[in-house]
């Protein structure tokens, strides 16, 4: 610590001697501001940079509870494989794979072409580069009517506890 202070003092005295020598040789009037004004201006500048960032962080939009995208369904070959939660996958269950919500989330998926909907539990993840919103089980795809099409446009929304009484398969 003492060495650091000595180095700072040497550096300050070196700079002071250098600037005095330059000013004396050039015979130019010295500026009337002091180094403390520089530090105040620097602080004001730094604070000015962070205030807009802080206001952006405070006005962050509410988390999304509704998504629109493409849905597909699992192939039969995945029956019996483990899901991301460790459960055994079965196409007869009302479950899904999704990267938008946490595992264990219950979502309502609505087919935008015919208005049919199904409530499923997200218990698996899709591939990282998958462009689809959700992968449903065969049973869920059949309930919302896109089993023969293979892919359809859907709206996915978080299913809140108040609506649990509407769900036939809990």
N, C-alpha and C. Protein backbone atom coordinates (compact mmCIF):
# COMPACT_ATOMS: atom_id res chain seq x y z
N UNK A 1 0.84 -1.19 0.00
CA UNK A 1 0.00 0.00 0.00
C UNK A 1 0.88 1.25 0.00
N UNK A 2 1.94 1.21 0.81
CA UNK A 2 2.84 2.36 0.90
C UNK A 2 3.54 2.58 -0.43
N UNK A 3 3.94 1.49 -1.08
CA UNK A 3 4.61 1.60 -2.39
C UNK A 3 3.67 2.22 -3.42
N UNK A 4 2.41 1.86 -3.37
CA UNK A 4 1.44 2.41 -4.32
C UNK A 4 1.30 3.91 -4.11
N UNK A 5 1.22 4.32 -2.85
CA UNK A 5 1.11 5.76 -2.56
C UNK A 5 2.36 6.51 -3.02
N UNK A 6 3.55 5.93 -2.79
CA UNK A 6 4.78 6.57 -3.24
C UNK A 6 4.81 6.72 -4.76
N UNK A 7 4.36 5.66 -5.46
CA UNK A 7 4.33 5.73 -6.92
C UNK A 7 3.37 6.81 -7.39
N UNK A 8 2.23 6.92 -6.72
CA UNK A 8 1.27 7.96 -7.11
C UNK A 8 1.85 9.35 -6.89
N UNK A 9 2.51 9.52 -5.74
CA UNK A 9 3.11 10.83 -5.47
C UNK A 9 4.20 11.15 -6.49
N UNK A 10 5.03 10.17 -6.84
CA UNK A 10 6.06 10.39 -7.85
C UNK A 10 5.42 10.75 -9.18
N UNK A 11 4.37 10.05 -9.54
CA UNK A 11 3.69 10.28 -10.81
C UNK A 11 3.07 11.68 -10.84
N UNK A 12 2.43 12.08 -9.74
CA UNK A 12 1.83 13.41 -9.68
C UNK A 12 2.89 14.50 -9.76
N UNK A 13 3.98 14.32 -9.03
CA UNK A 13 5.03 15.35 -9.07
C UNK A 13 5.67 15.39 -10.46
N UNK A 14 5.82 14.24 -11.10
CA UNK A 14 6.36 14.22 -12.45
C UNK A 14 5.45 14.98 -13.41
N UNK A 15 4.15 14.71 -13.33
CA UNK A 15 3.21 15.40 -14.21
C UNK A 15 3.18 16.89 -13.92
N UNK A 16 3.22 17.25 -12.65
CA UNK A 16 3.20 18.67 -12.28
C UNK A 16 4.44 19.38 -12.84
N UNK A 17 5.58 18.75 -12.71
CA UNK A 17 6.81 19.35 -13.22
C UNK A 17 6.77 19.45 -14.74
N UNK A 18 6.25 18.43 -15.37
CA UNK A 18 6.16 18.42 -16.82
C UNK A 18 5.23 19.52 -17.33
N UNK A 19 4.07 19.65 -16.70
CA UNK A 19 3.13 20.67 -17.16
C UNK A 19 3.63 22.07 -16.85
N UNK A 20 4.27 22.28 -15.71
CA UNK A 20 4.79 23.60 -15.40
C UNK A 20 5.90 23.98 -16.37
N UNK A 21 6.73 23.02 -16.72
CA UNK A 21 7.81 23.29 -17.65
C UNK A 21 7.24 23.69 -19.01
N UNK A 22 6.24 22.93 -19.48
CA UNK A 22 5.63 23.24 -20.76
C UNK A 22 4.98 24.62 -20.76
N UNK A 23 4.27 24.92 -19.70
CA UNK A 23 3.58 26.21 -19.65
C UNK A 23 4.58 27.36 -19.57
N UNK A 24 5.65 27.14 -18.80
CA UNK A 24 6.63 28.21 -18.66
C UNK A 24 7.39 28.44 -19.96
N UNK A 25 7.69 27.37 -20.70
CA UNK A 25 8.42 27.53 -21.95
C UNK A 25 7.57 28.20 -23.02
N UNK A 26 6.32 27.85 -23.08
CA UNK A 26 5.47 28.38 -24.13
C UNK A 26 4.91 29.75 -23.77
N UNK A 27 4.98 30.09 -22.52
CA UNK A 27 4.50 31.37 -22.01
C UNK A 27 3.03 31.61 -22.38
N UNK A 28 2.27 30.59 -22.17
CA UNK A 28 0.83 30.66 -22.42
C UNK A 28 0.14 30.75 -21.07
N UNK A 29 -0.95 31.47 -21.05
CA UNK A 29 -1.69 31.61 -19.80
C UNK A 29 -2.25 30.25 -19.39
N UNK A 30 -2.14 29.97 -18.11
CA UNK A 30 -2.70 28.72 -17.60
C UNK A 30 -4.22 28.82 -17.54
N UNK A 31 -4.88 27.71 -17.73
CA UNK A 31 -6.34 27.74 -17.59
C UNK A 31 -6.74 28.03 -16.15
N UNK A 32 -7.91 28.59 -15.98
CA UNK A 32 -8.34 29.00 -14.64
C UNK A 32 -9.09 27.91 -13.89
N UNK A 33 -9.37 26.78 -14.53
CA UNK A 33 -10.10 25.71 -13.85
C UNK A 33 -9.12 24.84 -13.08
N UNK A 34 -9.63 24.20 -12.05
CA UNK A 34 -8.79 23.33 -11.23
C UNK A 34 -9.09 21.87 -11.57
N UNK A 35 -8.21 20.96 -11.15
CA UNK A 35 -8.45 19.54 -11.43
C UNK A 35 -9.75 19.02 -10.81
N UNK A 36 -10.22 19.64 -9.76
CA UNK A 36 -11.45 19.18 -9.13
C UNK A 36 -12.65 19.38 -10.06
N UNK A 37 -12.62 20.40 -10.89
CA UNK A 37 -13.71 20.62 -11.84
C UNK A 37 -13.72 19.49 -12.87
N UNK A 38 -12.52 19.05 -13.27
CA UNK A 38 -12.45 17.91 -14.18
C UNK A 38 -13.13 16.67 -13.59
N UNK A 39 -12.84 16.41 -12.32
CA UNK A 39 -13.42 15.23 -11.69
C UNK A 39 -14.94 15.36 -11.59
N UNK A 40 -15.44 16.57 -11.31
CA UNK A 40 -16.89 16.78 -11.24
C UNK A 40 -17.52 16.56 -12.61
N UNK A 41 -16.90 17.13 -13.66
CA UNK A 41 -17.42 16.94 -15.01
C UNK A 41 -17.39 15.47 -15.43
N UNK A 42 -16.33 14.77 -15.05
CA UNK A 42 -16.24 13.35 -15.37
C UNK A 42 -17.35 12.56 -14.68
N UNK A 43 -17.62 12.86 -13.43
CA UNK A 43 -18.69 12.18 -12.69
C UNK A 43 -20.04 12.47 -13.33
N UNK A 44 -20.28 13.71 -13.71
CA UNK A 44 -21.55 14.07 -14.35
C UNK A 44 -21.70 13.32 -15.67
N UNK A 45 -20.62 13.20 -16.41
CA UNK A 45 -20.66 12.48 -17.68
C UNK A 45 -20.98 11.00 -17.47
N UNK A 46 -20.32 10.38 -16.51
CA UNK A 46 -20.54 8.95 -16.24
C UNK A 46 -21.95 8.71 -15.75
N UNK A 47 -22.44 9.56 -14.86
CA UNK A 47 -23.81 9.42 -14.36
C UNK A 47 -24.80 9.62 -15.51
N UNK A 48 -24.51 10.54 -16.39
CA UNK A 48 -25.38 10.79 -17.54
C UNK A 48 -25.47 9.58 -18.47
N UNK A 49 -24.41 8.77 -18.52
CA UNK A 49 -24.45 7.56 -19.34
C UNK A 49 -25.32 6.48 -18.71
N UNK A 50 -25.29 6.37 -17.38
CA UNK A 50 -25.98 5.28 -16.71
C UNK A 50 -27.44 5.57 -16.39
N UNK A 51 -27.84 6.81 -16.32
CA UNK A 51 -29.24 7.13 -16.01
C UNK A 51 -30.19 6.59 -17.07
N UNK A 52 -29.92 6.79 -18.38
CA UNK A 52 -30.84 6.20 -19.36
C UNK A 52 -30.89 4.68 -19.29
N UNK A 53 -29.76 4.03 -19.01
CA UNK A 53 -29.75 2.58 -18.90
C UNK A 53 -30.58 2.11 -17.72
N UNK A 54 -30.50 2.86 -16.62
CA UNK A 54 -31.27 2.49 -15.44
C UNK A 54 -32.76 2.68 -15.69
N UNK A 55 -33.15 3.74 -16.37
CA UNK A 55 -34.56 3.95 -16.66
C UNK A 55 -35.09 2.90 -17.62
N UNK A 56 -34.24 2.43 -18.55
CA UNK A 56 -34.65 1.35 -19.44
C UNK A 56 -34.89 0.07 -18.66
N UNK A 57 -34.02 -0.19 -17.69
CA UNK A 57 -34.17 -1.41 -16.90
C UNK A 57 -35.45 -1.36 -16.06
N UNK A 58 -35.82 -0.17 -15.55
CA UNK A 58 -37.01 -0.05 -14.73
C UNK A 58 -38.27 -0.15 -15.58
N UNK A 59 -38.24 0.33 -16.80
CA UNK A 59 -39.43 0.31 -17.65
C UNK A 59 -39.48 -0.95 -18.51
N UNK A 60 -38.81 -2.00 -18.05
CA UNK A 60 -38.79 -3.25 -18.79
C UNK A 60 -40.21 -3.78 -18.93
N UNK A 61 -40.54 -4.30 -20.10
CA UNK A 61 -41.88 -4.79 -20.37
C UNK A 61 -42.20 -5.99 -19.47
N UNK A 62 -43.47 -6.16 -19.20
CA UNK A 62 -43.92 -7.29 -18.39
C UNK A 62 -43.60 -8.59 -19.11
N UNK A 63 -43.36 -9.65 -18.36
CA UNK A 63 -43.06 -10.92 -19.02
C UNK A 63 -44.22 -11.39 -19.87
N UNK A 64 -43.88 -12.08 -20.94
CA UNK A 64 -44.90 -12.55 -21.88
C UNK A 64 -45.67 -13.72 -21.29
N UNK A 65 -46.96 -13.73 -21.52
CA UNK A 65 -47.81 -14.83 -21.08
C UNK A 65 -48.53 -15.46 -22.26
N UNK A 66 -48.24 -15.00 -23.46
CA UNK A 66 -48.94 -15.47 -24.65
C UNK A 66 -47.99 -15.44 -25.84
N UNK A 67 -47.95 -16.54 -26.61
CA UNK A 67 -47.10 -16.63 -27.77
C UNK A 67 -47.89 -17.19 -28.95
N UNK A 68 -47.51 -16.80 -30.16
CA UNK A 68 -48.13 -17.35 -31.37
C UNK A 68 -47.00 -17.93 -32.21
N UNK A 69 -47.23 -19.15 -32.71
CA UNK A 69 -46.20 -19.79 -33.51
C UNK A 69 -46.68 -21.11 -34.06
N UNK A 70 -45.75 -21.89 -34.56
CA UNK A 70 -46.07 -23.19 -35.16
C UNK A 70 -45.95 -24.30 -34.12
N UNK A 71 -46.86 -25.25 -34.22
CA UNK A 71 -46.83 -26.43 -33.35
C UNK A 71 -46.70 -27.68 -34.19
N UNK A 72 -46.05 -28.66 -33.63
CA UNK A 72 -45.96 -29.97 -34.27
C UNK A 72 -46.19 -31.00 -33.18
N UNK A 73 -46.08 -32.27 -33.53
CA UNK A 73 -46.25 -33.29 -32.49
C UNK A 73 -45.15 -34.33 -32.59
N UNK A 74 -44.94 -35.02 -31.46
CA UNK A 74 -43.89 -36.02 -31.34
C UNK A 74 -44.12 -37.20 -32.28
N UNK A 75 -43.05 -37.77 -32.75
CA UNK A 75 -43.12 -39.01 -33.53
C UNK A 75 -43.29 -40.17 -32.55
N UNK A 76 -43.87 -41.25 -33.03
CA UNK A 76 -44.12 -42.43 -32.20
C UNK A 76 -42.81 -43.04 -31.68
N UNK A 77 -41.71 -42.83 -32.38
CA UNK A 77 -40.43 -43.43 -31.99
C UNK A 77 -39.92 -42.93 -30.64
N UNK A 78 -40.46 -41.81 -30.14
CA UNK A 78 -40.00 -41.27 -28.86
C UNK A 78 -40.68 -41.91 -27.66
N UNK A 79 -41.69 -42.75 -27.88
CA UNK A 79 -42.37 -43.43 -26.77
C UNK A 79 -41.35 -44.21 -25.94
N UNK A 80 -41.41 -44.01 -24.62
CA UNK A 80 -40.51 -44.71 -23.72
C UNK A 80 -39.22 -43.99 -23.42
N UNK A 81 -38.85 -42.98 -24.20
CA UNK A 81 -37.63 -42.22 -23.92
C UNK A 81 -37.85 -41.31 -22.73
N UNK A 82 -36.76 -40.91 -22.07
CA UNK A 82 -36.87 -39.98 -20.95
C UNK A 82 -37.01 -38.55 -21.47
N UNK A 83 -37.83 -37.77 -20.79
CA UNK A 83 -37.97 -36.34 -21.11
C UNK A 83 -36.95 -35.56 -20.30
N UNK A 84 -36.94 -34.25 -20.47
CA UNK A 84 -36.00 -33.39 -19.75
C UNK A 84 -36.24 -33.41 -18.24
N UNK A 85 -37.46 -33.71 -17.82
CA UNK A 85 -37.75 -33.78 -16.39
C UNK A 85 -37.45 -35.16 -15.82
N UNK A 86 -37.10 -36.11 -16.67
CA UNK A 86 -36.79 -37.45 -16.23
C UNK A 86 -37.96 -38.42 -16.32
N UNK A 87 -39.14 -37.90 -16.66
CA UNK A 87 -40.32 -38.76 -16.80
C UNK A 87 -40.24 -39.56 -18.10
N UNK A 88 -40.94 -40.66 -18.12
CA UNK A 88 -40.98 -41.50 -19.32
C UNK A 88 -42.01 -40.90 -20.28
N UNK A 89 -41.60 -40.66 -21.53
CA UNK A 89 -42.51 -40.06 -22.51
C UNK A 89 -43.54 -41.07 -22.99
N UNK A 90 -44.80 -40.63 -23.03
CA UNK A 90 -45.88 -41.45 -23.58
C UNK A 90 -46.77 -40.56 -24.43
N UNK A 91 -47.03 -40.96 -25.64
CA UNK A 91 -47.86 -40.17 -26.56
C UNK A 91 -49.32 -40.09 -26.12
N UNK A 92 -49.73 -40.90 -25.15
CA UNK A 92 -51.11 -40.88 -24.69
C UNK A 92 -51.35 -39.78 -23.65
N UNK A 93 -50.29 -39.22 -23.09
CA UNK A 93 -50.43 -38.15 -22.08
C UNK A 93 -50.63 -36.80 -22.75
N UNK A 94 -51.11 -35.85 -21.98
CA UNK A 94 -51.24 -34.47 -22.47
C UNK A 94 -50.02 -33.68 -21.98
N UNK A 95 -48.91 -33.89 -22.65
CA UNK A 95 -47.67 -33.19 -22.31
C UNK A 95 -47.10 -32.53 -23.56
N UNK A 96 -46.05 -31.73 -23.38
CA UNK A 96 -45.46 -31.01 -24.50
C UNK A 96 -44.00 -30.69 -24.24
N UNK A 97 -43.32 -30.32 -25.32
CA UNK A 97 -41.95 -29.82 -25.24
C UNK A 97 -41.96 -28.38 -25.70
N UNK A 98 -41.31 -27.51 -24.92
CA UNK A 98 -41.31 -26.08 -25.26
C UNK A 98 -40.06 -25.44 -24.68
N UNK A 99 -39.50 -24.48 -25.41
CA UNK A 99 -38.32 -23.75 -24.93
C UNK A 99 -38.66 -22.38 -24.38
N UNK A 100 -39.91 -21.96 -24.45
CA UNK A 100 -40.29 -20.61 -24.05
C UNK A 100 -40.64 -20.49 -22.57
N UNK A 101 -41.07 -21.58 -21.94
CA UNK A 101 -41.50 -21.52 -20.54
C UNK A 101 -40.70 -22.54 -19.72
N UNK A 102 -40.79 -22.42 -18.41
CA UNK A 102 -40.09 -23.33 -17.52
C UNK A 102 -40.71 -24.71 -17.57
N UNK A 103 -39.90 -25.71 -17.28
CA UNK A 103 -40.42 -27.07 -17.18
C UNK A 103 -41.40 -27.13 -16.02
N UNK A 104 -42.47 -27.88 -16.20
CA UNK A 104 -43.50 -27.99 -15.17
C UNK A 104 -44.61 -26.98 -15.31
N UNK A 105 -44.54 -26.11 -16.31
CA UNK A 105 -45.56 -25.10 -16.54
C UNK A 105 -46.75 -25.71 -17.28
N UNK A 106 -47.93 -25.30 -16.90
CA UNK A 106 -49.13 -25.76 -17.60
C UNK A 106 -49.54 -24.66 -18.57
N UNK A 107 -49.72 -25.03 -19.84
CA UNK A 107 -50.07 -24.06 -20.88
C UNK A 107 -51.33 -24.51 -21.62
N UNK A 108 -52.02 -23.53 -22.15
CA UNK A 108 -53.19 -23.80 -22.99
C UNK A 108 -52.78 -23.51 -24.43
N UNK A 109 -52.96 -24.49 -25.30
CA UNK A 109 -52.59 -24.37 -26.70
C UNK A 109 -53.87 -24.36 -27.53
N UNK A 110 -54.03 -23.29 -28.33
CA UNK A 110 -55.23 -23.13 -29.15
C UNK A 110 -54.86 -23.16 -30.62
N UNK A 111 -55.52 -24.01 -31.40
CA UNK A 111 -55.34 -24.07 -32.84
C UNK A 111 -56.03 -22.85 -33.43
N UNK A 112 -55.29 -21.99 -34.12
CA UNK A 112 -55.86 -20.75 -34.65
C UNK A 112 -56.72 -20.99 -35.89
N UNK A 113 -56.62 -22.15 -36.50
CA UNK A 113 -57.42 -22.43 -37.69
C UNK A 113 -58.84 -22.85 -37.34
N UNK A 114 -59.00 -23.62 -36.23
CA UNK A 114 -60.34 -24.10 -35.91
C UNK A 114 -60.82 -23.70 -34.51
N UNK A 115 -59.98 -23.06 -33.71
CA UNK A 115 -60.39 -22.58 -32.40
C UNK A 115 -60.36 -23.63 -31.29
N UNK A 116 -60.02 -24.87 -31.58
CA UNK A 116 -59.96 -25.92 -30.56
C UNK A 116 -58.73 -25.71 -29.69
N UNK A 117 -58.85 -26.09 -28.41
CA UNK A 117 -57.72 -25.89 -27.50
C UNK A 117 -57.54 -27.11 -26.60
N UNK A 118 -56.35 -27.21 -26.03
CA UNK A 118 -55.99 -28.29 -25.12
C UNK A 118 -55.04 -27.73 -24.07
N UNK A 119 -55.14 -28.28 -22.86
CA UNK A 119 -54.25 -27.87 -21.77
C UNK A 119 -53.22 -28.96 -21.58
N UNK A 120 -51.92 -28.59 -21.61
CA UNK A 120 -50.85 -29.57 -21.51
C UNK A 120 -49.81 -29.13 -20.48
N UNK A 121 -49.05 -30.09 -20.03
CA UNK A 121 -47.95 -29.85 -19.10
C UNK A 121 -46.65 -29.88 -19.88
N UNK A 122 -45.82 -28.85 -19.71
CA UNK A 122 -44.52 -28.80 -20.38
C UNK A 122 -43.53 -29.60 -19.54
N UNK A 123 -43.08 -30.73 -20.07
CA UNK A 123 -42.13 -31.56 -19.33
C UNK A 123 -40.90 -31.93 -20.14
N UNK A 124 -40.70 -31.25 -21.27
CA UNK A 124 -39.56 -31.57 -22.13
C UNK A 124 -39.10 -30.32 -22.87
N UNK A 125 -37.91 -30.39 -23.39
CA UNK A 125 -37.33 -29.30 -24.18
C UNK A 125 -37.19 -29.75 -25.63
N UNK A 126 -37.18 -28.77 -26.53
CA UNK A 126 -36.94 -29.06 -27.94
C UNK A 126 -35.48 -28.77 -28.26
N UNK A 127 -35.06 -29.04 -29.49
CA UNK A 127 -33.71 -28.71 -29.91
C UNK A 127 -33.50 -27.21 -29.85
N UNK A 128 -32.28 -26.79 -29.60
CA UNK A 128 -31.98 -25.36 -29.41
C UNK A 128 -32.29 -24.52 -30.65
N UNK A 129 -32.13 -25.08 -31.83
CA UNK A 129 -32.34 -24.30 -33.06
C UNK A 129 -33.70 -24.56 -33.70
N UNK A 130 -34.58 -25.20 -32.96
CA UNK A 130 -35.91 -25.50 -33.49
C UNK A 130 -36.72 -24.21 -33.62
N UNK A 131 -37.34 -23.98 -34.75
CA UNK A 131 -38.09 -22.75 -35.00
C UNK A 131 -39.53 -22.84 -34.50
N UNK A 132 -39.96 -24.03 -34.09
CA UNK A 132 -41.35 -24.20 -33.67
C UNK A 132 -41.55 -23.73 -32.24
N UNK A 133 -42.77 -23.37 -31.94
CA UNK A 133 -43.12 -22.88 -30.61
C UNK A 133 -43.25 -24.03 -29.62
N UNK A 134 -43.92 -25.11 -30.02
CA UNK A 134 -44.23 -26.19 -29.09
C UNK A 134 -44.37 -27.51 -29.85
N UNK A 135 -43.98 -28.59 -29.20
CA UNK A 135 -44.20 -29.95 -29.70
C UNK A 135 -45.19 -30.63 -28.76
N UNK A 136 -46.29 -31.07 -29.30
CA UNK A 136 -47.33 -31.71 -28.49
C UNK A 136 -47.26 -33.23 -28.64
N UNK A 137 -47.90 -33.93 -27.71
CA UNK A 137 -48.04 -35.38 -27.88
C UNK A 137 -49.10 -35.63 -28.95
N UNK A 138 -49.15 -36.86 -29.44
CA UNK A 138 -50.12 -37.22 -30.48
C UNK A 138 -51.55 -37.01 -29.99
N UNK A 139 -51.79 -37.34 -28.72
CA UNK A 139 -53.14 -37.17 -28.16
C UNK A 139 -53.55 -35.70 -28.15
N UNK A 140 -52.64 -34.81 -27.74
CA UNK A 140 -52.94 -33.39 -27.71
C UNK A 140 -53.16 -32.84 -29.12
N UNK A 141 -52.34 -33.30 -30.08
CA UNK A 141 -52.49 -32.86 -31.47
C UNK A 141 -53.84 -33.31 -32.03
N UNK A 142 -54.26 -34.50 -31.65
CA UNK A 142 -55.54 -35.02 -32.11
C UNK A 142 -56.70 -34.20 -31.52
N UNK A 143 -56.57 -33.78 -30.26
CA UNK A 143 -57.64 -33.01 -29.62
C UNK A 143 -57.83 -31.64 -30.25
N UNK A 144 -56.75 -31.03 -30.72
CA UNK A 144 -56.93 -29.71 -31.34
C UNK A 144 -57.01 -29.79 -32.86
N UNK A 145 -56.98 -30.98 -33.40
CA UNK A 145 -57.33 -31.20 -34.79
C UNK A 145 -56.27 -30.91 -35.83
N UNK A 146 -55.01 -31.22 -35.57
CA UNK A 146 -54.02 -31.07 -36.64
C UNK A 146 -53.16 -32.32 -36.81
N UNK A 147 -53.70 -33.45 -36.40
CA UNK A 147 -52.94 -34.70 -36.48
C UNK A 147 -52.57 -35.04 -37.92
N UNK A 148 -53.48 -34.83 -38.87
CA UNK A 148 -53.19 -35.18 -40.27
C UNK A 148 -52.35 -34.11 -40.96
N UNK A 149 -52.48 -32.85 -40.53
CA UNK A 149 -51.71 -31.77 -41.14
C UNK A 149 -50.24 -31.83 -40.72
N UNK A 150 -49.97 -32.23 -39.47
CA UNK A 150 -48.60 -32.33 -38.99
C UNK A 150 -48.09 -31.07 -38.31
N UNK A 151 -48.41 -29.93 -38.86
CA UNK A 151 -47.99 -28.64 -38.31
C UNK A 151 -49.17 -27.68 -38.41
N UNK A 152 -49.34 -26.84 -37.41
CA UNK A 152 -50.38 -25.80 -37.51
C UNK A 152 -49.96 -24.58 -36.72
N UNK A 153 -50.63 -23.48 -36.98
CA UNK A 153 -50.37 -22.23 -36.26
C UNK A 153 -51.21 -22.23 -34.99
N UNK A 154 -50.55 -21.98 -33.85
CA UNK A 154 -51.25 -22.04 -32.57
C UNK A 154 -50.94 -20.80 -31.74
N UNK A 155 -51.79 -20.61 -30.75
CA UNK A 155 -51.54 -19.60 -29.71
C UNK A 155 -51.32 -20.36 -28.42
N UNK A 156 -50.21 -20.07 -27.74
CA UNK A 156 -49.90 -20.72 -26.47
C UNK A 156 -49.96 -19.67 -25.38
N UNK A 157 -50.68 -19.97 -24.31
CA UNK A 157 -50.77 -19.04 -23.19
C UNK A 157 -50.61 -19.79 -21.88
N UNK A 158 -50.07 -19.09 -20.88
CA UNK A 158 -49.91 -19.71 -19.58
C UNK A 158 -51.28 -19.99 -19.00
N UNK A 159 -51.42 -21.13 -18.39
CA UNK A 159 -52.70 -21.55 -17.82
C UNK A 159 -52.65 -21.27 -16.33
N UNK A 160 -53.46 -20.29 -15.86
CA UNK A 160 -53.43 -19.88 -14.46
C UNK A 160 -54.28 -20.80 -13.61
N UNK A 161 -54.03 -20.80 -12.31
CA UNK A 161 -54.70 -21.71 -11.38
C UNK A 161 -56.20 -21.55 -11.37
N UNK A 162 -56.70 -20.36 -11.65
CA UNK A 162 -58.15 -20.12 -11.62
C UNK A 162 -58.88 -20.98 -12.65
N UNK A 163 -58.21 -21.34 -13.73
CA UNK A 163 -58.84 -22.11 -14.80
C UNK A 163 -58.67 -23.61 -14.66
N UNK A 164 -58.08 -24.09 -13.58
CA UNK A 164 -57.80 -25.51 -13.44
C UNK A 164 -59.07 -26.34 -13.38
N UNK A 165 -60.18 -25.75 -12.95
CA UNK A 165 -61.42 -26.50 -12.88
C UNK A 165 -61.95 -26.84 -14.27
N UNK A 166 -61.57 -26.05 -15.28
CA UNK A 166 -62.01 -26.29 -16.65
C UNK A 166 -61.30 -27.47 -17.29
N UNK A 167 -60.16 -27.85 -16.73
CA UNK A 167 -59.33 -28.89 -17.33
C UNK A 167 -59.87 -30.27 -16.96
N UNK A 168 -60.11 -31.10 -17.99
CA UNK A 168 -60.64 -32.43 -17.71
C UNK A 168 -59.55 -33.40 -17.28
N UNK A 169 -58.30 -33.25 -17.76
CA UNK A 169 -57.19 -34.12 -17.37
C UNK A 169 -56.19 -33.32 -16.57
N UNK A 170 -56.15 -33.51 -15.28
CA UNK A 170 -55.23 -32.73 -14.45
C UNK A 170 -53.92 -33.45 -14.30
